[in-house]
Amino acid sequence: MATALGAIASYSATRDVPAARVVFCNAEAYDVGYMRPEDIAGTVKVKGRGGTVLQPGIDLLEKAEDFPKEAPLLIITDGYCDKVVLHGREHAFLVPQGVNLPFVPKGKVFRMR
C-alpha cells in the first residue's frame, strides 16, 4: 500500500495535481477526503486493511456532491476483491505484479512491483 500511495503522490506532484481524494475500503468506506500529494506520501494513515469489498468506496465517490463527475478513479487492490460496478466513469486498477482480478475489468490495469 505504501508503494501505491507513494506512486500516486509522485504522479500528482509531477502533474501539478493539487489534491487527490483518498478513500479506503474494508467492510465500509473510510473517506479521508482531499489530500495534497506531499500528505499522501508522508502522513496518510491507512484505515481498514484487507479491503475485499470495494463497492462502498466507489459508490461514495460516485454519489459525492463534492467529487467531480468527470474525475477518474484509480482503484488500488491486492486482487482479492469483489466485482465492482462503475457507471461510465473513467477508471483504472493498480494491482501487484502477477496478480489477476477475479473479474474481467473494463478499465485499464496497471501492475506494480
C-alpha atoms as a PDB file:
ATOM      1  CA  MET A   1       0.000   0.000   0.000  1.00  0.00           C
ATOM      2  CA  ALA A   2       2.847   2.383   0.809  1.00  0.00           C
ATOM      3  CA  THR A   3       4.335   1.873  -2.670  1.00  0.00           C
ATOM      4  CA  ALA A   4       0.995   2.585  -4.340  1.00  0.00           C
ATOM      5  CA  LEU A   5       0.346   5.697  -2.264  1.00  0.00           C
ATOM      6  CA  GLY A   6       3.875   6.903  -2.986  1.00  0.00           C
ATOM      7  CA  ALA A   7       3.284   6.425  -6.713  1.00  0.00           C
ATOM      8  CA  ILE A   8       0.076   8.449  -6.524  1.00  0.00           C
ATOM      9  CA  ALA A   9       1.833  11.212  -4.615  1.00  0.00           C
ATOM     10  CA  SER A  10       4.729  11.303  -7.066  1.00  0.00           C
ATOM     11  CA  TYR A  11       2.470  11.286 -10.125  1.00  0.00           C
ATOM     12  CA  SER A  12       0.253  14.010  -8.646  1.00  0.00           C
ATOM     13  CA  ALA A  13       3.232  16.209  -7.791  1.00  0.00           C
ATOM     14  CA  THR A  14       4.765  15.935 -11.276  1.00  0.00           C
ATOM     15  CA  ARG A  15       1.430  16.705 -12.948  1.00  0.00           C
ATOM     16  CA  ASP A  16       0.616  19.680 -10.705  1.00  0.00           C
ATOM     17  CA  VAL A  17      -2.441  17.923  -9.282  1.00  0.00           C
ATOM     18  CA  PRO A  18      -3.187  19.958  -6.159  1.00  0.00           C
ATOM     19  CA  ALA A  19      -5.108  17.216  -4.338  1.00  0.00           C
ATOM     20  CA  ALA A  20      -6.474  13.694  -4.695  1.00  0.00           C
ATOM     21  CA  ARG A  21      -9.500  12.231  -2.938  1.00  0.00           C
ATOM     22  CA  VAL A  22      -8.494   9.259  -0.796  1.00  0.00           C
ATOM     23  CA  VAL A  23     -10.999   6.579   0.241  1.00  0.00           C
ATOM     24  CA  PHE A  24     -10.034   3.327   1.956  1.00  0.00           C
ATOM     25  CA  CYS A  25     -12.303   0.278   1.833  1.00  0.00           C
ATOM     26  CA  ASN A  26     -12.876  -2.641   4.127  1.00  0.00           C
ATOM     27  CA  ALA A  27     -16.399  -3.681   5.089  1.00  0.00           C
ATOM     28  CA  GLU A  28     -17.209   0.016   4.783  1.00  0.00           C
ATOM     29  CA  ALA A  29     -15.693   3.051   3.093  1.00  0.00           C
ATOM     30  CA  TYR A  30     -13.381   5.395   5.030  1.00  0.00           C
ATOM     31  CA  ASP A  31     -13.306   8.793   3.344  1.00  0.00           C
ATOM     32  CA  VAL A  32     -10.074  10.585   4.220  1.00  0.00           C
ATOM     33  CA  GLY A  33     -11.046  13.478   1.954  1.00  0.00           C
ATOM     34  CA  TYR A  34      -8.861  15.511  -0.368  1.00  0.00           C
ATOM     35  CA  MET A  35      -5.137  15.319   0.337  1.00  0.00           C
ATOM     36  CA  ARG A  36      -2.141  17.167  -1.083  1.00  0.00           C
ATOM     37  CA  PRO A  37       0.432  14.889  -2.760  1.00  0.00           C
ATOM     38  CA  GLU A  38       3.019  15.501  -0.025  1.00  0.00           C
ATOM     39  CA  ASP A  39       0.490  14.456   2.622  1.00  0.00           C
ATOM     40  CA  ILE A  40      -0.389  11.265   0.750  1.00  0.00           C
ATOM     41  CA  ALA A  41       3.283  10.341   0.590  1.00  0.00           C
ATOM     42  CA  GLY A  42       4.084  11.064   4.195  1.00  0.00           C
ATOM     43  CA  THR A  43       1.248  11.261   6.656  1.00  0.00           C
ATOM     44  CA  VAL A  44      -1.786   9.336   5.432  1.00  0.00           C
ATOM     45  CA  LYS A  45      -2.855   6.601   7.836  1.00  0.00           C
ATOM     46  CA  VAL A  46      -4.291   3.543   6.093  1.00  0.00           C
ATOM     47  CA  LYS A  47      -7.685   2.617   7.522  1.00  0.00           C
ATOM     48  CA  GLY A  48      -9.402  -0.724   7.235  1.00  0.00           C
ATOM     49  CA  ARG A  49      -6.717  -3.087   5.961  1.00  0.00           C
ATOM     50  CA  GLY A  50      -7.777  -6.105   3.970  1.00  0.00           C
ATOM     51  CA  GLY A  51     -10.452  -4.403   1.887  1.00  0.00           C
ATOM     52  CA  THR A  52     -12.117  -7.034  -0.240  1.00  0.00           C
ATOM     53  CA  VAL A  53     -15.373  -5.095  -0.569  1.00  0.00           C
ATOM     54  CA  LEU A  54     -14.588  -2.135  -2.801  1.00  0.00           C
ATOM     55  CA  GLN A  55     -18.064  -1.127  -3.970  1.00  0.00           C
ATOM     56  CA  PRO A  56     -18.888   1.093  -0.929  1.00  0.00           C
ATOM     57  CA  GLY A  57     -15.888   3.304  -1.727  1.00  0.00           C
ATOM     58  CA  ILE A  58     -16.809   3.541  -5.391  1.00  0.00           C
ATOM     59  CA  ASP A  59     -20.430   4.327  -4.518  1.00  0.00           C
ATOM     60  CA  LEU A  60     -19.276   7.017  -2.071  1.00  0.00           C
ATOM     61  CA  LEU A  61     -17.258   8.786  -4.769  1.00  0.00           C
ATOM     62  CA  GLU A  62     -19.880   8.394  -7.496  1.00  0.00           C
ATOM     63  CA  LYS A  63     -22.545   9.947  -5.244  1.00  0.00           C
ATOM     64  CA  ALA A  64     -20.389  12.622  -3.583  1.00  0.00           C
ATOM     65  CA  GLU A  65     -21.518  16.129  -4.475  1.00  0.00           C
ATOM     66  CA  ASP A  66     -18.005  17.491  -3.914  1.00  0.00           C
ATOM     67  CA  PHE A  67     -16.300  14.998  -6.256  1.00  0.00           C
ATOM     68  CA  PRO A  68     -16.278  15.962  -9.958  1.00  0.00           C
ATOM     69  CA  LYS A  69     -18.447  13.713 -12.140  1.00  0.00           C
ATOM     70  CA  GLU A  70     -15.694  13.594 -14.786  1.00  0.00           C
ATOM     71  CA  ALA A  71     -12.890  12.729 -12.351  1.00  0.00           C
ATOM     72  CA  PRO A  72     -11.308   9.325 -12.984  1.00  0.00           C
ATOM     73  CA  LEU A  73     -10.892   6.687 -10.273  1.00  0.00           C
ATOM     74  CA  LEU A  74      -7.759   4.709  -9.509  1.00  0.00           C
ATOM     75  CA  ILE A  75      -8.715   1.579  -7.607  1.00  0.00           C
ATOM     76  CA  ILE A  76      -5.814   0.039  -5.700  1.00  0.00           C
ATOM     77  CA  THR A  77      -6.251  -3.581  -4.671  1.00  0.00           C
ATOM     78  CA  ASP A  78      -4.249  -6.698  -3.940  1.00  0.00           C
ATOM     79  CA  GLY A  79      -6.619  -8.544  -6.282  1.00  0.00           C
ATOM     80  CA  TYR A  80      -8.548 -10.288  -3.526  1.00  0.00           C
ATOM     81  CA  CYS A  81     -11.688  -8.258  -4.027  1.00  0.00           C
ATOM     82  CA  ASP A  82     -15.278  -8.357  -5.122  1.00  0.00           C
ATOM     83  CA  LYS A  83     -16.529  -7.401  -8.570  1.00  0.00           C
ATOM     84  CA  VAL A  84     -17.145  -3.676  -8.874  1.00  0.00           C
ATOM     85  CA  VAL A  85     -19.685  -1.736 -10.892  1.00  0.00           C
ATOM     86  CA  LEU A  86     -18.806   1.711 -12.206  1.00  0.00           C
ATOM     87  CA  HIS A  87     -21.339   3.822 -14.001  1.00  0.00           C
ATOM     88  CA  GLY A  88     -19.457   5.062 -17.056  1.00  0.00           C
ATOM     89  CA  ARG A  89     -16.710   6.803 -15.088  1.00  0.00           C
ATOM     90  CA  GLU A  90     -13.147   6.512 -16.399  1.00  0.00           C
ATOM     91  CA  HIS A  91     -11.168   4.250 -14.093  1.00  0.00           C
ATOM     92  CA  ALA A  92      -8.128   2.015 -13.756  1.00  0.00           C
ATOM     93  CA  PHE A  93      -6.892  -0.633 -11.358  1.00  0.00           C
ATOM     94  CA  LEU A  94      -3.478  -0.776  -9.701  1.00  0.00           C
ATOM     95  CA  VAL A  95      -2.563  -4.319  -8.635  1.00  0.00           C
ATOM     96  CA  PRO A  96       0.635  -6.144  -7.682  1.00  0.00           C
ATOM     97  CA  GLN A  97       2.691  -7.750 -10.455  1.00  0.00           C
ATOM     98  CA  GLY A  98       1.473 -11.291 -11.220  1.00  0.00           C
ATOM     99  CA  VAL A  99      -2.000 -10.799  -9.722  1.00  0.00           C
ATOM    100  CA  ASN A 100      -5.198 -11.070 -11.726  1.00  0.00           C
ATOM    101  CA  LEU A 101      -8.511  -9.543 -10.777  1.00  0.00           C
ATOM    102  CA  PRO A 102     -11.328 -12.053 -10.119  1.00  0.00           C
ATOM    103  CA  PHE A 103     -13.394 -10.433 -12.887  1.00  0.00           C
ATOM    104  CA  VAL A 104     -12.790  -9.009 -16.349  1.00  0.00           C
ATOM    105  CA  PRO A 105     -12.035  -5.313 -15.776  1.00  0.00           C
ATOM    106  CA  LYS A 106     -13.443  -2.669 -18.097  1.00  0.00           C
ATOM    107  CA  GLY A 107     -10.777  -0.113 -17.159  1.00  0.00           C
ATOM    108  CA  LYS A 108      -7.021  -0.319 -17.618  1.00  0.00           C
ATOM    109  CA  VAL A 109      -4.956  -2.453 -15.252  1.00  0.00           C
ATOM    110  CA  PHE A 110      -1.577  -1.221 -14.072  1.00  0.00           C
ATOM    111  CA  ARG A 111       0.801  -3.506 -12.244  1.00  0.00           C
ATOM    112  CA  MET A 112       3.423  -2.559  -9.656  1.00  0.00           C
ATOM    113  CA  ARG A 113       6.358  -4.432  -8.206  1.00  0.00           C
END
